Amino acid sequence: MKKNKSDKTPEELCDPLLEAALNHVAFDGWSKRTLSQAEKDVGTVPGIIELAFPGGAIQMIDLHAQHCDIEMVKKAAKFDVNKLKI
């Protein structure tokens, strides 16, 4: 059975909330307004973002950095790093 977004746990909503927030960060920064808008965009119940990110925007920024690191490692794996000039 497929879960509705409102049936998901806060942990399951972290990635969708982050993705939605990134659409607003350029305009509103990592503000409460951005977090609130991300919540609306994902279609969750009000207040779920505080459960998903109890550390607020700082915790969301940390998750974004983790995602960037993972992407970098995936892309770097395609290259022979030992042959790159550093």
PDB file of N, CA and C in Angstrom:
ATOM      1  N   MET A   1       0.838  -1.182   0.000  1.00  0.00           N
ATOM      2  CA  MET A   1       0.000   0.000   0.000  1.00  0.00           C
ATOM      3  C   MET A   1       0.881   1.243   0.000  1.00  0.00           C
ATOM      4  N   LYS A   2       0.606   2.160  -0.902  1.00  0.00           N
ATOM      5  CA  LYS A   2       1.388   3.391  -1.012  1.00  0.00           C
ATOM      6  C   LYS A   2       0.954   4.378   0.066  1.00  0.00           C
ATOM      7  N   LYS A   3       1.962   4.989   0.715  1.00  0.00           N
ATOM      8  CA  LYS A   3       1.664   5.975   1.746  1.00  0.00           C
ATOM      9  C   LYS A   3       1.393   7.335   1.125  1.00  0.00           C
ATOM     10  N   ASN A   4       0.418   8.040   1.665  1.00  0.00           N
ATOM     11  CA  ASN A   4       0.226   9.440   1.316  1.00  0.00           C
ATOM     12  C   ASN A   4       1.306  10.239   2.020  1.00  0.00           C
ATOM     13  N   LYS A   5       1.583  11.432   1.513  1.00  0.00           N
ATOM     14  CA  LYS A   5       2.614  12.249   2.141  1.00  0.00           C
ATOM     15  C   LYS A   5       2.301  12.499   3.605  1.00  0.00           C
ATOM     16  N   SER A   6       1.032  12.617   3.946  1.00  0.00           N
ATOM     17  CA  SER A   6       0.663  12.874   5.333  1.00  0.00           C
ATOM     18  C   SER A   6       0.838  11.637   6.203  1.00  0.00           C
ATOM     19  N   ASP A   7       0.974  10.459   5.584  1.00  0.00           N
ATOM     20  CA  ASP A   7       1.177   9.219   6.326  1.00  0.00           C
ATOM     21  C   ASP A   7       2.650   8.939   6.591  1.00  0.00           C
ATOM     22  N   LYS A   8       3.525   9.725   6.000  1.00  0.00           N
ATOM     23  CA  LYS A   8       4.956   9.481   6.141  1.00  0.00           C
ATOM     24  C   LYS A   8       5.465  10.012   7.473  1.00  0.00           C
ATOM     25  N   THR A   9       6.516   9.370   7.957  1.00  0.00           N
ATOM     26  CA  THR A   9       7.147   9.829   9.197  1.00  0.00           C
ATOM     27  C   THR A   9       7.970  11.079   8.910  1.00  0.00           C
ATOM     28  N   PRO A  10       8.297  11.846   9.947  1.00  0.00           N
ATOM     29  CA  PRO A  10       9.152  13.016   9.727  1.00  0.00           C
ATOM     30  C   PRO A  10      10.471  12.657   9.032  1.00  0.00           C
ATOM     31  N   GLU A  11      11.046  11.513   9.389  1.00  0.00           N
ATOM     32  CA  GLU A  11      12.304  11.092   8.770  1.00  0.00           C
ATOM     33  C   GLU A  11      12.128  10.828   7.276  1.00  0.00           C
ATOM     34  N   GLU A  12      10.999  10.256   6.898  1.00  0.00           N
ATOM     35  CA  GLU A  12      10.724   9.982   5.485  1.00  0.00           C
ATOM     36  C   GLU A  12      10.482  11.264   4.692  1.00  0.00           C
ATOM     37  N   LEU A  13      10.146  12.338   5.379  1.00  0.00           N
ATOM     38  CA  LEU A  13       9.863  13.607   4.713  1.00  0.00           C
ATOM     39  C   LEU A  13      11.077  14.524   4.614  1.00  0.00           C
ATOM     40  N   CYS A  14      12.186  14.153   5.235  1.00  0.00           N
ATOM     41  CA  CYS A  14      13.366  15.030   5.227  1.00  0.00           C
ATOM     42  C   CYS A  14      13.813  15.380   3.809  1.00  0.00           C
ATOM     43  N   ASP A  15      13.992  14.388   2.966  1.00  0.00           N
ATOM     44  CA  ASP A  15      14.467  14.659   1.604  1.00  0.00           C
ATOM     45  C   ASP A  15      13.465  15.480   0.785  1.00  0.00           C
ATOM     46  N   PRO A  16      12.172  15.119   0.783  1.00  0.00           N
ATOM     47  CA  PRO A  16      11.226  15.954   0.031  1.00  0.00           C
ATOM     48  C   PRO A  16      11.135  17.389   0.568  1.00  0.00           C
ATOM     49  N   LEU A  17      11.212  17.558   1.877  1.00  0.00           N
ATOM     50  CA  LEU A  17      11.167  18.901   2.453  1.00  0.00           C
ATOM     51  C   LEU A  17      12.396  19.704   2.054  1.00  0.00           C
ATOM     52  N   LEU A  18      13.560  19.061   2.074  1.00  0.00           N
ATOM     53  CA  LEU A  18      14.787  19.739   1.659  1.00  0.00           C
ATOM     54  C   LEU A  18      14.687  20.161   0.200  1.00  0.00           C
ATOM     55  N   GLU A  19      14.255  19.252  -0.648  1.00  0.00           N
ATOM     56  CA  GLU A  19      14.130  19.558  -2.079  1.00  0.00           C
ATOM     57  C   GLU A  19      13.180  20.738  -2.306  1.00  0.00           C
ATOM     58  N   ALA A  20      12.073  20.745  -1.587  1.00  0.00           N
ATOM     59  CA  ALA A  20      11.112  21.844  -1.714  1.00  0.00           C
ATOM     60  C   ALA A  20      11.706  23.150  -1.196  1.00  0.00           C
ATOM     61  N   ALA A  21      12.444  23.088  -0.104  1.00  0.00           N
ATOM     62  CA  ALA A  21      13.044  24.295   0.476  1.00  0.00           C
ATOM     63  C   ALA A  21      14.064  24.916  -0.467  1.00  0.00           C
ATOM     64  N   LEU A  22      14.798  24.087  -1.190  1.00  0.00           N
ATOM     65  CA  LEU A  22      15.828  24.607  -2.094  1.00  0.00           C
ATOM     66  C   LEU A  22      15.234  25.512  -3.171  1.00  0.00           C
ATOM     67  N   ASN A  23      13.963  25.333  -3.489  1.00  0.00           N
ATOM     68  CA  ASN A  23      13.302  26.202  -4.467  1.00  0.00           C
ATOM     69  C   ASN A  23      13.052  27.606  -3.926  1.00  0.00           C
ATOM     70  N   HIS A  24      13.138  27.775  -2.622  1.00  0.00           N
ATOM     71  CA  HIS A  24      12.821  29.062  -1.994  1.00  0.00           C
ATOM     72  C   HIS A  24      14.034  29.748  -1.366  1.00  0.00           C
ATOM     73  N   VAL A  25      15.103  29.016  -1.151  1.00  0.00           N
ATOM     74  CA  VAL A  25      16.273  29.558  -0.445  1.00  0.00           C
ATOM     75  C   VAL A  25      16.861  30.777  -1.144  1.00  0.00           C
ATOM     76  N   ALA A  26      16.905  30.771  -2.461  1.00  0.00           N
ATOM     77  CA  ALA A  26      17.497  31.898  -3.193  1.00  0.00           C
ATOM     78  C   ALA A  26      16.725  33.194  -2.955  1.00  0.00           C
ATOM     79  N   PHE A  27      15.456  33.081  -2.653  1.00  0.00           N
ATOM     80  CA  PHE A  27      14.613  34.265  -2.478  1.00  0.00           C
ATOM     81  C   PHE A  27      14.449  34.663  -1.012  1.00  0.00           C
ATOM     82  N   ASP A  28      14.310  33.675  -0.136  1.00  0.00           N
ATOM     83  CA  ASP A  28      14.011  33.952   1.271  1.00  0.00           C
ATOM     84  C   ASP A  28      15.090  33.488   2.240  1.00  0.00           C
ATOM     85  N   GLY A  29      16.211  32.957   1.701  1.00  0.00           N
ATOM     86  CA  GLY A  29      17.258  32.440   2.581  1.00  0.00           C
ATOM     87  C   GLY A  29      16.759  31.204   3.322  1.00  0.00           C
ATOM     88  N   TRP A  30      17.538  30.781   4.296  1.00  0.00           N
ATOM     89  CA  TRP A  30      17.167  29.613   5.104  1.00  0.00           C
ATOM     90  C   TRP A  30      16.299  30.103   6.268  1.00  0.00           C
ATOM     91  N   SER A  31      15.194  30.713   5.943  1.00  0.00           N
ATOM     92  CA  SER A  31      14.330  31.364   6.928  1.00  0.00           C
ATOM     93  C   SER A  31      13.148  30.476   7.318  1.00  0.00           C
ATOM     94  N   LYS A  32      12.434  30.928   8.344  1.00  0.00           N
ATOM     95  CA  LYS A  32      11.208  30.225   8.737  1.00  0.00           C
ATOM     96  C   LYS A  32      10.196  30.247   7.597  1.00  0.00           C
ATOM     97  N   ARG A  33      10.212  31.320   6.835  1.00  0.00           N
ATOM     98  CA  ARG A  33       9.301  31.417   5.688  1.00  0.00           C
ATOM     99  C   ARG A  33       9.603  30.312   4.673  1.00  0.00           C
ATOM    100  N   THR A  34      10.892  30.081   4.403  1.00  0.00           N
ATOM    101  CA  THR A  34      11.293  29.012   3.483  1.00  0.00           C
ATOM    102  C   THR A  34      10.839  27.656   4.001  1.00  0.00           C
ATOM    103  N   LEU A  35      11.063  27.407   5.285  1.00  0.00           N
ATOM    104  CA  LEU A  35      10.687  26.118   5.864  1.00  0.00           C
ATOM    105  C   LEU A  35       9.171  25.926   5.814  1.00  0.00           C
ATOM    106  N   SER A  36       8.439  26.975   6.102  1.00  0.00           N
ATOM    107  CA  SER A  36       6.979  26.914   6.055  1.00  0.00           C
ATOM    108  C   SER A  36       6.486  26.664   4.629  1.00  0.00           C
ATOM    109  N   GLN A  37       7.106  27.333   3.674  1.00  0.00           N
ATOM    110  CA  GLN A  37       6.703  27.150   2.275  1.00  0.00           C
ATOM    111  C   GLN A  37       7.024  25.732   1.800  1.00  0.00           C
ATOM    112  N   ALA A  38       8.153  25.189   2.234  1.00  0.00           N
ATOM    113  CA  ALA A  38       8.514  23.814   1.873  1.00  0.00           C
ATOM    114  C   ALA A  38       7.458  22.843   2.389  1.00  0.00           C
ATOM    115  N   GLU A  39       7.014  23.080   3.600  1.00  0.00           N
ATOM    116  CA  GLU A  39       5.970  22.250   4.197  1.00  0.00           C
ATOM    117  C   GLU A  39       4.698  22.288   3.344  1.00  0.00           C
ATOM    118  N   LYS A  40       4.313  23.481   2.905  1.00  0.00           N
ATOM    119  CA  LYS A  40       3.121  23.631   2.062  1.00  0.00           C
ATOM    120  C   LYS A  40       3.322  22.955   0.712  1.00  0.00           C
ATOM    121  N   ASP A  41       4.514  23.135   0.128  1.00  0.00           N
ATOM    122  CA  ASP A  41       4.793  22.554  -1.188  1.00  0.00           C
ATOM    123  C   ASP A  41       4.711  21.030  -1.169  1.00  0.00           C
ATOM    124  N   VAL A  42       5.186  20.435  -0.085  1.00  0.00           N
ATOM    125  CA  VAL A  42       5.183  18.976   0.028  1.00  0.00           C
ATOM    126  C   VAL A  42       3.783  18.469   0.384  1.00  0.00           C
ATOM    127  N   GLY A  43       2.973  19.339   0.963  1.00  0.00           N
ATOM    128  CA  GLY A  43       1.611  18.950   1.302  1.00  0.00           C
ATOM    129  C   GLY A  43       1.501  18.203   2.616  1.00  0.00           C
ATOM    130  N   THR A  44       2.376  18.527   3.541  1.00  0.00           N
ATOM    131  CA  THR A  44       2.357  17.862   4.843  1.00  0.00           C
ATOM    132  C   THR A  44       1.477  18.624   5.821  1.00  0.00           C
ATOM    133  N   VAL A  45       1.281  18.022   6.961  1.00  0.00           N
ATOM    134  CA  VAL A  45       0.532  18.696   8.020  1.00  0.00           C
ATOM    135  C   VAL A  45       1.408  19.795   8.618  1.00  0.00           C
ATOM    136  N   PRO A  46       0.811  20.902   9.023  1.00  0.00           N
ATOM    137  CA  PRO A  46       1.599  21.983   9.628  1.00  0.00           C
ATOM    138  C   PRO A  46       2.362  21.494  10.860  1.00  0.00           C
ATOM    139  N   GLY A  47       3.605  21.918  10.966  1.00  0.00           N
ATOM    140  CA  GLY A  47       4.433  21.567  12.113  1.00  0.00           C
ATOM    141  C   GLY A  47       5.328  20.362  11.904  1.00  0.00           C
ATOM    142  N   ILE A  48       5.131  19.625  10.816  1.00  0.00           N
ATOM    143  CA  ILE A  48       5.939  18.418  10.595  1.00  0.00           C
ATOM    144  C   ILE A  48       7.405  18.763  10.380  1.00  0.00           C
ATOM    145  N   ILE A  49       7.672  19.953   9.864  1.00  0.00           N
ATOM    146  CA  ILE A  49       9.057  20.316   9.586  1.00  0.00           C
ATOM    147  C   ILE A  49       9.872  20.418  10.868  1.00  0.00           C
ATOM    148  N   GLU A  50       9.214  20.825  11.971  1.00  0.00           N
ATOM    149  CA  GLU A  50       9.917  20.887  13.253  1.00  0.00           C
ATOM    150  C   GLU A  50      10.270  19.491  13.760  1.00  0.00           C
ATOM    151  N   LEU A  51       9.466  18.508  13.392  1.00  0.00           N
ATOM    152  CA  LEU A  51       9.766  17.129  13.771  1.00  0.00           C
ATOM    153  C   LEU A  51      10.838  16.535  12.863  1.00  0.00           C
ATOM    154  N   ALA A  52      10.781  16.876  11.587  1.00  0.00           N
ATOM    155  CA  ALA A  52      11.769  16.363  10.631  1.00  0.00           C
ATOM    156  C   ALA A  52      13.133  17.016  10.840  1.00  0.00           C
ATOM    157  N   PHE A  53      13.121  18.293  11.192  1.00  0.00           N
ATOM    158  CA  PHE A  53      14.354  19.058  11.388  1.00  0.00           C
ATOM    159  C   PHE A  53      14.286  19.815  12.711  1.00  0.00           C
ATOM    160  N   PRO A  54      14.434  19.106  13.837  1.00  0.00           N
ATOM    161  CA  PRO A  54      14.353  19.794  15.130  1.00  0.00           C
ATOM    162  C   PRO A  54      15.446  20.847  15.305  1.00  0.00           C
ATOM    163  N   GLY A  55      16.526  20.716  14.552  1.00  0.00           N
ATOM    164  CA  GLY A  55      17.605  21.703  14.592  1.00  0.00           C
ATOM    165  C   GLY A  55      17.363  22.874  13.655  1.00  0.00           C
ATOM    166  N   GLY A  56      16.192  22.906  13.033  1.00  0.00           N
ATOM    167  CA  GLY A  56      15.829  24.006  12.149  1.00  0.00           C
ATOM    168  C   GLY A  56      16.625  24.019  10.856  1.00  0.00           C
ATOM    169  N   ALA A  57      16.818  25.227  10.343  1.00  0.00           N
ATOM    170  CA  ALA A  57      17.490  25.397   9.054  1.00  0.00           C
ATOM    171  C   ALA A  57      18.913  24.853   9.081  1.00  0.00           C
ATOM    172  N   ILE A  58      19.586  24.972  10.221  1.00  0.00           N
ATOM    173  CA  ILE A  58      20.964  24.465  10.319  1.00  0.00           C
ATOM    174  C   ILE A  58      20.999  22.970  10.023  1.00  0.00           C
ATOM    175  N   GLN A  59      20.067  22.244  10.553  1.00  0.00           N
ATOM    176  CA  GLN A  59      20.009  20.799  10.308  1.00  0.00           C
ATOM    177  C   GLN A  59      19.685  20.507   8.845  1.00  0.00           C
ATOM    178  N   MET A  60      18.842  21.335   8.246  1.00  0.00           N
ATOM    179  CA  MET A  60      18.502  21.161   6.838  1.00  0.00           C
ATOM    180  C   MET A  60      19.717  21.452   5.958  1.00  0.00           C
ATOM    181  N   ILE A  61      20.471  22.478   6.303  1.00  0.00           N
ATOM    182  CA  ILE A  61      21.699  22.808   5.568  1.00  0.00           C
ATOM    183  C   ILE A  61      22.686  21.656   5.669  1.00  0.00           C
ATOM    184  N   ASP A  62      22.782  21.052   6.845  1.00  0.00           N
ATOM    185  CA  ASP A  62      23.681  19.916   7.036  1.00  0.00           C
ATOM    186  C   ASP A  62      23.273  18.747   6.138  1.00  0.00           C
ATOM    187  N   LEU A  63      21.984  18.473   6.045  1.00  0.00           N
ATOM    188  CA  LEU A  63      21.509  17.395   5.164  1.00  0.00           C
ATOM    189  C   LEU A  63      21.833  17.714   3.709  1.00  0.00           C
ATOM    190  N   HIS A  64      21.667  18.969   3.332  1.00  0.00           N
ATOM    191  CA  HIS A  64      21.993  19.382   1.960  1.00  0.00           C
ATOM    192  C   HIS A  64      23.482  19.156   1.683  1.00  0.00           C
ATOM    193  N   ALA A  65      24.334  19.512   2.628  1.00  0.00           N
ATOM    194  CA  ALA A  65      25.779  19.299   2.466  1.00  0.00           C
ATOM    195  C   ALA A  65      26.096  17.808   2.342  1.00  0.00           C
ATOM    196  N   GLN A  66      25.419  16.983   3.118  1.00  0.00           N
ATOM    197  CA  GLN A  66      25.617  15.531   3.021  1.00  0.00           C
ATOM    198  C   GLN A  66      25.236  15.028   1.633  1.00  0.00           C
ATOM    199  N   HIS A  67      24.127  15.515   1.113  1.00  0.00           N
ATOM    200  CA  HIS A  67      23.694  15.115  -0.237  1.00  0.00           C
ATOM    201  C   HIS A  67      24.729  15.544  -1.281  1.00  0.00           C
ATOM    202  N   CYS A  68      25.273  16.747  -1.128  1.00  0.00           N
ATOM    203  CA  CYS A  68      26.305  17.232  -2.063  1.00  0.00           C
ATOM    204  C   CYS A  68      27.546  16.351  -1.999  1.00  0.00           C
ATOM    205  N   ASP A  69      27.941  15.970  -0.786  1.00  0.00           N
ATOM    206  CA  ASP A  69      29.111  15.103  -0.624  1.00  0.00           C
ATOM    207  C   ASP A  69      28.890  13.747  -1.292  1.00  0.00           C
ATOM    208  N   ILE A  70      27.722  13.176  -1.108  1.00  0.00           N
ATOM    209  CA  ILE A  70      27.408  11.876  -1.716  1.00  0.00           C
ATOM    210  C   ILE A  70      27.445  11.979  -3.236  1.00  0.00           C
ATOM    211  N   GLU A  71      26.878  13.049  -3.779  1.00  0.00           N
ATOM    212  CA  GLU A  71      26.880  13.263  -5.233  1.00  0.00           C
ATOM    213  C   GLU A  71      28.303  13.416  -5.749  1.00  0.00           C
ATOM    214  N   MET A  72      29.147  14.140  -5.015  1.00  0.00           N
ATOM    215  CA  MET A  72      30.532  14.345  -5.418  1.00  0.00           C
ATOM    216  C   MET A  72      31.280  13.010  -5.467  1.00  0.00           C
ATOM    217  N   VAL A  73      31.071  12.168  -4.461  1.00  0.00           N
ATOM    218  CA  VAL A  73      31.733  10.865  -4.423  1.00  0.00           C
ATOM    219  C   VAL A  73      31.281  10.005  -5.603  1.00  0.00           C
ATOM    220  N   LYS A  74      29.991  10.036  -5.918  1.00  0.00           N
ATOM    221  CA  LYS A  74      29.481   9.264  -7.063  1.00  0.00           C
ATOM    222  C   LYS A  74      30.127   9.728  -8.366  1.00  0.00           C
ATOM    223  N   LYS A  75      30.218  11.040  -8.542  1.00  0.00           N
ATOM    224  CA  LYS A  75      30.805  11.571  -9.776  1.00  0.00           C
ATOM    225  C   LYS A  75      32.309  11.331  -9.825  1.00  0.00           C
ATOM    226  N   ALA A  76      32.975  11.435  -8.696  1.00  0.00           N
ATOM    227  CA  ALA A  76      34.422  11.214  -8.646  1.00  0.00           C
ATOM    228  C   ALA A  76      34.768   9.757  -8.932  1.00  0.00           C
ATOM    229  N   ALA A  77      33.866   8.852  -8.611  1.00  0.00           N
ATOM    230  CA  ALA A  77      34.110   7.429  -8.846  1.00  0.00           C
ATOM    231  C   ALA A  77      34.216   7.113 -10.333  1.00  0.00           C
ATOM    232  N   LYS A  78      33.708   7.994 -11.178  1.00  0.00           N
ATOM    233  CA  LYS A  78      33.768   7.784 -12.623  1.00  0.00           C
ATOM    234  C   LYS A  78      35.132   8.143 -13.205  1.00  0.00           C
ATOM    235  N   PHE A  79      35.968   8.806 -12.423  1.00  0.00           N
ATOM    236  CA  PHE A  79      37.276   9.244 -12.895  1.00  0.00           C
ATOM    237  C   PHE A  79      38.380   8.456 -12.210  1.00  0.00           C
ATOM    238  N   ASP A  80      39.497   8.332 -12.915  1.00  0.00           N
ATOM    239  CA  ASP A  80      40.686   7.764 -12.288  1.00  0.00           C
ATOM    240  C   ASP A  80      41.384   8.922 -11.575  1.00  0.00           C
ATOM    241  N   VAL A  81      41.095   9.062 -10.310  1.00  0.00           N
ATOM    242  CA  VAL A  81      41.587  10.194  -9.522  1.00  0.00           C
ATOM    243  C   VAL A  81      43.114  10.247  -9.517  1.00  0.00           C
ATOM    244  N   ASN A  82      43.771   9.107  -9.590  1.00  0.00           N
ATOM    245  CA  ASN A  82      45.236   9.081  -9.571  1.00  0.00           C
ATOM    246  C   ASN A  82      45.846   9.722 -10.816  1.00  0.00           C
ATOM    247  N   LYS A  83      45.089   9.820 -11.898  1.00  0.00           N
ATOM    248  CA  LYS A  83      45.601  10.430 -13.123  1.00  0.00           C
ATOM    249  C   LYS A  83      45.325  11.929 -13.191  1.00  0.00           C
ATOM    250  N   LEU A  84      44.539  12.437 -12.269  1.00  0.00           N
ATOM    251  CA  LEU A  84      44.228  13.865 -12.261  1.00  0.00           C
ATOM    252  C   LEU A  84      45.398  14.653 -11.683  1.00  0.00           C
ATOM    253  N   LYS A  85      45.659  15.808 -12.280  1.00  0.00           N
ATOM    254  CA  LYS A  85      46.709  16.672 -11.749  1.00  0.00           C
ATOM    255  C   LYS A  85      46.135  17.446 -10.575  1.00  0.00           C
ATOM    256  N   ILE A  86      46.865  17.378  -9.503  1.00  0.00           N
ATOM    257  CA  ILE A  86      46.418  18.084  -8.298  1.00  0.00           C
ATOM    258  C   ILE A  86      47.517  19.010  -7.824  1.00  0.00           C
TER     259      ILE A  86
END
